[in-house]
Amino acid sequence: MKFSVWPNIKYPVDEVLDLARWLDDGRWYGMWFADHYMPNTGKTKVNDGDSHEVWGLLPAVAVVTEQLRLGPLVAPTSVHHPALLANRAATIDHVSDGRFVLGLGAGWQINEHVAYGIELEAPKPRVDRFEEAIQIIRSLLNEPRTTFAGSVYTITDAPCQPKPVQQQLPILVGTGGNRMLRITARHAEEWNTWGHPDSAGERLNAMHAACERVGRDPATLHTSVQVAVHLSDDAAANAKALEGPLGARTIAGGADELIGILNQYRELGFDEFIVPDWLMGSEPAARKEHLDRLHTEVISQL
């Protein structure tokens, strides 16, 4: 199992680029960034807070690194037109010399859609849009020209040039719904989910079932999972992390305990574990120290 890092898009750009250079030492597999325009509130309310635009940030990260895979986790097709996503992906693949992964999702964050006047459709039409978008994107990335006539998009003899550096630029889908799993099994190279081992394992089983339903070997799909990680020998600090707003998406404990939990993901068959660094301190030095300790005391011991 490989390990990647997910920094918060609120961090100043110079801190993100410094972290990218630091991570690019061979120990870490990738670097992922959310694709959102504002902090999530779970409803229509808009809260202030920095949220750097990921499609401006990704090329900069590509320039200052040489080894890390990188991509959005994930770009919502409710917001982005598939032609924009395909052309951006192809260009950043050139900037990164073939290290780009295009993460896609159907879209979900209510407040950014409402604030910017972007329709957040009901689930079925939203997934309809996604299903057309992923097919268009794959065709634009692979084929000389793309023509597509759907219920949402009409694409006519459209190019996407130059093609990516990678012969098959990976498309990752972040999803859990059954129909989205089937779309992923048909059209994507990678799949991503959240969750503790029990819940992530259930979704992985559902993903495998979706692959079998469409006649795909599940072993051909790269799978990744993330939860926030809090490494500490302080039982009170670990309990506080688990009781916080991200508690349901957090694992916490000492090195031995985290080794045991991460081994569960590995035994389930996940290919990549993504570490959000959001609980690792308010200052960049503290976050680096936490990541370094996590790699030394936990990851390298697996």
Protein backbone atom coordinates (compact mmCIF):
# COMPACT_ATOMS: atom_id res chain seq x y z
CA MET A 1 0.00 0.00 0.00
CA LYS A 2 1.30 3.44 -0.95
CA PHE A 3 0.81 6.63 1.05
CA SER A 4 -0.12 10.12 -0.15
CA VAL A 5 -0.87 13.47 1.49
CA TRP A 6 -3.90 15.77 1.21
CA PRO A 7 -3.16 19.35 2.36
CA ASN A 8 -5.92 21.84 3.05
CA ILE A 9 -6.55 24.31 0.20
CA LYS A 10 -6.79 27.11 2.78
CA TYR A 11 -3.02 27.09 3.37
CA PRO A 12 -0.99 29.96 1.86
CA VAL A 13 0.46 29.05 -1.52
CA ASP A 14 4.07 29.36 -0.38
CA GLU A 15 3.38 26.84 2.41
CA VAL A 16 1.78 24.41 -0.04
CA LEU A 17 4.69 24.62 -2.47
CA ASP A 18 7.22 24.22 0.34
CA LEU A 19 5.33 21.15 1.53
CA ALA A 20 5.25 19.76 -2.02
CA ARG A 21 9.04 20.06 -2.32
CA TRP A 22 9.43 18.41 1.09
CA LEU A 23 7.12 15.51 0.21
CA ASP A 24 8.88 14.91 -3.12
CA ASP A 25 11.66 12.77 -1.60
CA GLY A 26 10.49 9.30 -2.61
CA ARG A 27 8.68 8.42 0.62
CA TRP A 28 5.26 9.66 -0.50
CA TYR A 29 3.27 8.55 -3.53
CA GLY A 30 1.04 11.51 -4.30
CA MET A 31 -0.41 14.87 -3.32
CA TRP A 32 -4.14 15.57 -3.57
CA PHE A 33 -6.20 18.75 -3.29
CA ALA A 34 -9.92 19.40 -2.83
CA ASP A 35 -11.73 21.23 -5.63
CA HIS A 36 -13.97 23.70 -3.79
CA TYR A 37 -14.40 27.46 -3.71
CA MET A 38 -15.36 27.97 -0.07
CA PRO A 39 -15.51 26.14 3.27
CA ASN A 40 -18.34 23.66 3.48
CA THR A 41 -21.20 24.37 5.90
CA GLY A 42 -23.45 21.47 4.93
CA LYS A 43 -26.20 23.90 3.90
CA THR A 44 -26.69 27.09 1.91
CA LYS A 45 -24.91 29.32 4.44
CA VAL A 46 -21.63 30.78 3.20
CA ASN A 47 -18.71 31.09 5.64
CA ASP A 48 -15.63 33.16 4.94
CA GLY A 49 -12.34 31.31 4.63
CA ASP A 50 -9.50 30.96 2.18
CA SER A 51 -9.95 28.27 -0.49
CA HIS A 52 -7.30 28.42 -3.20
CA GLU A 53 -8.58 27.36 -6.63
CA VAL A 54 -7.12 23.94 -7.32
CA TRP A 55 -6.67 24.34 -11.08
CA GLY A 56 -4.41 27.30 -10.44
CA LEU A 57 -2.54 25.47 -7.68
CA LEU A 58 -1.92 22.12 -9.42
CA PRO A 59 0.37 23.43 -12.19
CA ALA A 60 2.50 25.22 -9.59
CA VAL A 61 2.85 22.01 -7.56
CA ALA A 62 3.75 20.13 -10.74
CA VAL A 63 6.58 22.57 -11.48
CA VAL A 64 8.23 22.28 -8.05
CA THR A 65 8.07 18.46 -7.86
CA GLU A 66 9.51 15.58 -9.88
CA GLN A 67 8.06 12.37 -8.41
CA LEU A 68 4.68 12.92 -6.76
CA ARG A 69 1.49 12.02 -8.54
CA LEU A 70 -1.00 14.85 -8.22
CA GLY A 71 -4.62 15.67 -8.87
CA PRO A 72 -7.93 17.01 -7.59
CA LEU A 73 -9.89 14.97 -5.06
CA VAL A 74 -12.30 15.50 -6.77
CA ALA A 75 -13.43 17.88 -9.52
CA PRO A 76 -17.25 18.14 -9.62
CA THR A 77 -18.84 17.76 -13.04
CA SER A 78 -21.75 19.82 -11.72
CA VAL A 79 -19.35 22.79 -11.83
CA HIS A 80 -16.85 22.02 -14.62
CA HIS A 81 -17.61 21.39 -18.28
CA PRO A 82 -16.02 18.13 -19.50
CA ALA A 83 -14.10 19.90 -22.28
CA LEU A 84 -12.45 22.17 -19.70
CA LEU A 85 -11.56 19.22 -17.49
CA ALA A 86 -10.04 17.22 -20.34
CA ASN A 87 -7.95 20.10 -21.66
CA ARG A 88 -6.77 21.13 -18.20
CA ALA A 89 -5.82 17.54 -17.41
CA ALA A 90 -3.87 17.09 -20.65
CA THR A 91 -1.94 20.32 -20.12
CA ILE A 92 -1.08 19.63 -16.47
CA ASP A 93 0.04 16.15 -17.50
CA HIS A 94 2.60 17.88 -19.72
CA VAL A 95 3.60 20.31 -16.97
CA SER A 96 4.14 17.36 -14.61
CA ASP A 97 5.76 15.11 -17.23
CA GLY A 98 3.08 12.46 -16.90
CA ARG A 99 2.19 12.51 -13.20
CA PHE A 100 -1.38 13.81 -13.31
CA VAL A 101 -4.52 11.95 -12.18
CA LEU A 102 -7.93 13.45 -13.02
CA GLY A 103 -10.18 12.99 -10.00
CA LEU A 104 -13.88 13.39 -10.76
CA GLY A 105 -17.12 13.45 -8.82
CA ALA A 106 -20.73 14.39 -9.51
CA GLY A 107 -20.73 17.39 -7.12
CA TRP A 108 -22.30 17.81 -3.70
CA GLN A 109 -21.34 20.99 -1.78
CA ILE A 110 -24.53 23.00 -1.41
CA ASN A 111 -23.26 26.45 -0.45
CA GLU A 112 -20.86 26.92 -3.38
CA HIS A 113 -23.54 25.95 -5.89
CA VAL A 114 -26.07 28.34 -4.33
CA ALA A 115 -23.63 31.23 -3.91
CA TYR A 116 -22.38 31.07 -7.50
CA GLY A 117 -25.73 30.29 -9.07
CA ILE A 118 -24.67 26.82 -10.25
CA GLU A 119 -27.54 24.35 -10.23
CA LEU A 120 -27.06 21.36 -7.94
CA GLU A 121 -29.40 18.97 -9.68
CA ALA A 122 -31.34 16.17 -8.04
CA PRO A 123 -29.33 12.94 -7.74
CA LYS A 124 -30.52 11.23 -10.93
CA PRO A 125 -29.92 14.11 -13.38
CA ARG A 126 -26.67 14.93 -11.56
CA VAL A 127 -25.42 11.38 -12.14
CA ASP A 128 -26.75 11.47 -15.71
CA ARG A 129 -24.56 14.54 -16.26
CA PHE A 130 -21.59 12.80 -14.68
CA GLU A 131 -22.01 9.69 -16.81
CA GLU A 132 -21.96 11.73 -20.01
CA ALA A 133 -19.06 13.89 -18.79
CA ILE A 134 -16.73 11.01 -17.97
CA GLN A 135 -17.30 9.44 -21.38
CA ILE A 136 -16.63 12.75 -23.13
CA ILE A 137 -13.48 13.34 -21.09
CA ARG A 138 -12.07 9.89 -21.84
CA SER A 139 -12.77 10.31 -25.55
CA LEU A 140 -11.20 13.79 -25.65
CA LEU A 141 -8.08 12.51 -23.89
CA ASN A 142 -7.73 9.42 -26.12
CA GLU A 143 -9.30 10.05 -29.50
CA PRO A 144 -8.25 12.43 -32.31
CA ARG A 145 -11.73 14.03 -32.35
CA THR A 146 -14.82 13.59 -30.20
CA THR A 147 -18.47 13.69 -31.21
CA PHE A 148 -21.08 12.99 -28.54
CA ALA A 149 -24.85 13.54 -28.54
CA GLY A 150 -26.40 13.09 -25.11
CA SER A 151 -29.26 14.48 -23.08
CA VAL A 152 -26.91 16.93 -21.34
CA TYR A 153 -23.94 17.55 -23.66
CA THR A 154 -23.48 17.82 -27.39
CA ILE A 155 -19.86 17.69 -28.56
CA THR A 156 -19.12 17.97 -32.27
CA ASP A 157 -15.83 16.92 -33.88
CA ALA A 158 -13.93 18.34 -30.89
CA PRO A 159 -10.15 18.04 -30.49
CA CYS A 160 -8.06 17.98 -27.31
CA GLN A 161 -4.47 18.65 -28.33
CA PRO A 162 -1.80 17.94 -27.39
CA LYS A 163 -2.72 14.59 -25.94
CA PRO A 164 -1.49 13.75 -22.42
CA VAL A 165 2.03 12.47 -21.84
CA GLN A 166 0.57 9.31 -20.33
CA GLN A 167 -0.84 6.90 -22.86
CA GLN A 168 -3.86 6.46 -20.58
CA LEU A 169 -4.16 9.41 -18.23
CA PRO A 170 -5.85 7.93 -15.12
CA ILE A 171 -9.36 9.02 -14.26
CA LEU A 172 -10.24 8.58 -10.58
CA VAL A 173 -13.82 8.70 -9.32
CA GLY A 174 -14.66 9.54 -5.73
CA THR A 175 -18.03 7.98 -4.96
CA GLY A 176 -20.05 5.55 -2.89
CA GLY A 177 -23.44 5.30 -4.58
CA ASN A 178 -24.27 2.09 -6.41
CA ARG A 179 -24.96 3.65 -9.80
CA MET A 180 -21.79 5.76 -9.56
CA LEU A 181 -19.84 2.62 -8.69
CA ARG A 182 -21.05 0.97 -11.90
CA ILE A 183 -20.08 4.05 -13.92
CA THR A 184 -16.65 3.96 -12.26
CA ALA A 185 -16.24 0.28 -13.09
CA ARG A 186 -17.00 0.98 -16.75
CA HIS A 187 -15.03 4.14 -17.33
CA ALA A 188 -12.35 4.86 -14.67
CA GLU A 189 -8.91 3.60 -13.78
CA GLU A 190 -9.09 4.52 -10.09
CA TRP A 191 -11.67 4.76 -7.29
CA ASN A 192 -11.59 6.62 -3.99
CA THR A 193 -13.61 6.47 -0.78
CA TRP A 194 -13.64 7.71 2.81
CA GLY A 195 -14.01 5.62 5.92
CA HIS A 196 -12.76 3.52 8.80
CA PRO A 197 -11.78 -0.04 7.84
CA ASP A 198 -15.27 -1.49 8.40
CA SER A 199 -17.17 1.08 6.33
CA ALA A 200 -14.43 1.42 3.70
CA GLY A 201 -14.33 -2.37 3.39
CA GLU A 202 -18.09 -2.46 2.79
CA ARG A 203 -17.78 0.11 -0.01
CA LEU A 204 -14.81 -1.78 -1.47
CA ASN A 205 -16.91 -4.94 -1.58
CA ALA A 206 -19.65 -2.96 -3.34
CA MET A 207 -17.06 -1.65 -5.81
CA HIS A 208 -15.89 -5.19 -6.53
CA ALA A 209 -19.51 -6.25 -7.08
CA ALA A 210 -19.99 -3.36 -9.50
CA CYS A 211 -16.89 -4.45 -11.43
CA GLU A 212 -18.17 -7.99 -11.67
CA ARG A 213 -21.58 -6.72 -12.80
CA VAL A 214 -20.05 -4.92 -15.79
CA GLY A 215 -17.52 -7.65 -16.55
CA ARG A 216 -14.39 -5.95 -15.22
CA ASP A 217 -11.62 -7.56 -13.22
CA PRO A 218 -11.57 -5.63 -9.89
CA ALA A 219 -7.80 -6.10 -9.74
CA THR A 220 -7.45 -3.66 -12.67
CA LEU A 221 -8.92 -0.79 -10.61
CA HIS A 222 -6.55 1.22 -8.39
CA THR A 223 -8.30 1.86 -5.06
CA SER A 224 -7.59 4.57 -2.49
CA VAL A 225 -9.05 5.54 0.87
CA GLN A 226 -8.60 8.35 3.37
CA VAL A 227 -9.33 9.31 6.93
CA ALA A 228 -7.69 12.01 9.00
CA VAL A 229 -4.83 10.60 11.10
CA HIS A 230 -3.85 11.74 14.59
CA LEU A 231 -0.66 10.15 15.95
CA SER A 232 -0.14 10.72 19.66
CA ASP A 233 0.74 8.84 22.82
CA ASP A 234 -1.60 11.18 24.73
CA ALA A 235 -4.88 9.34 25.27
CA ALA A 236 -6.72 12.57 26.04
CA ALA A 237 -5.49 14.21 22.83
CA ASN A 238 -6.55 11.19 20.81
CA ALA A 239 -9.99 11.19 22.41
CA LYS A 240 -10.35 14.90 21.63
CA ALA A 241 -9.46 14.27 17.96
CA LEU A 242 -12.07 11.52 17.74
CA GLU A 243 -14.73 13.72 19.36
CA GLY A 244 -14.11 16.68 17.03
CA PRO A 245 -16.06 17.62 13.90
CA LEU A 246 -14.00 15.17 11.85
CA GLY A 247 -14.24 12.42 14.47
CA ALA A 248 -16.24 10.09 12.24
CA ARG A 249 -13.53 10.42 9.62
CA THR A 250 -10.52 10.16 11.92
CA ILE A 251 -8.25 7.46 13.31
CA ALA A 252 -6.17 8.27 16.37
CA GLY A 253 -3.74 6.48 18.63
CA GLY A 254 -0.13 5.63 19.28
CA ALA A 255 2.17 4.12 16.68
CA ASP A 256 1.29 0.49 17.44
CA GLU A 257 -2.44 1.19 17.32
CA LEU A 258 -2.19 3.04 14.00
CA ILE A 259 -0.02 0.29 12.52
CA GLY A 260 -2.80 -2.15 13.35
CA ILE A 261 -5.48 0.05 11.76
CA LEU A 262 -3.49 0.74 8.59
CA ASN A 263 -2.73 -2.95 8.23
CA GLN A 264 -6.49 -3.52 8.12
CA TYR A 265 -6.74 -1.28 5.04
CA ARG A 266 -3.86 -3.13 3.44
CA GLU A 267 -5.42 -6.50 4.17
CA LEU A 268 -8.70 -5.29 2.63
CA GLY A 269 -6.77 -4.68 -0.57
CA PHE A 270 -6.57 -0.88 -0.83
CA ASP A 271 -3.70 0.28 -3.04
CA GLU A 272 -3.29 3.78 -1.61
CA PHE A 273 -3.94 5.48 1.71
CA ILE A 274 -4.32 9.26 1.59
CA VAL A 275 -3.44 11.24 4.71
CA PRO A 276 -5.31 14.54 5.19
CA ASP A 277 -3.04 16.75 7.29
CA TRP A 278 -5.85 18.81 8.79
CA LEU A 279 -5.37 17.56 12.38
CA MET A 280 -1.61 17.90 12.35
CA GLY A 281 -1.22 21.42 13.66
CA SER A 282 -1.93 25.01 12.70
CA GLU A 283 1.64 25.75 11.58
CA PRO A 284 3.46 24.18 8.61
CA ALA A 285 6.43 23.06 10.74
CA ALA A 286 4.11 21.15 13.08
CA ARG A 287 2.38 19.45 10.16
CA LYS A 288 5.71 18.39 8.66
CA GLU A 289 6.85 17.08 12.02
CA HIS A 290 3.64 15.05 12.37
CA LEU A 291 3.92 13.64 8.83
CA ASP A 292 7.58 12.79 9.37
CA ARG A 293 6.80 11.01 12.62
CA LEU A 294 3.88 9.19 10.98
CA HIS A 295 6.12 7.91 8.22
CA THR A 296 8.98 6.95 10.52
CA GLU A 297 7.03 5.33 13.36
CA VAL A 298 4.05 3.89 11.48
CA ILE A 299 4.22 3.72 7.69
CA SER A 300 7.79 2.44 7.47
CA GLN A 301 6.92 -0.29 10.00
CA LEU A 302 4.06 -1.80 7.98
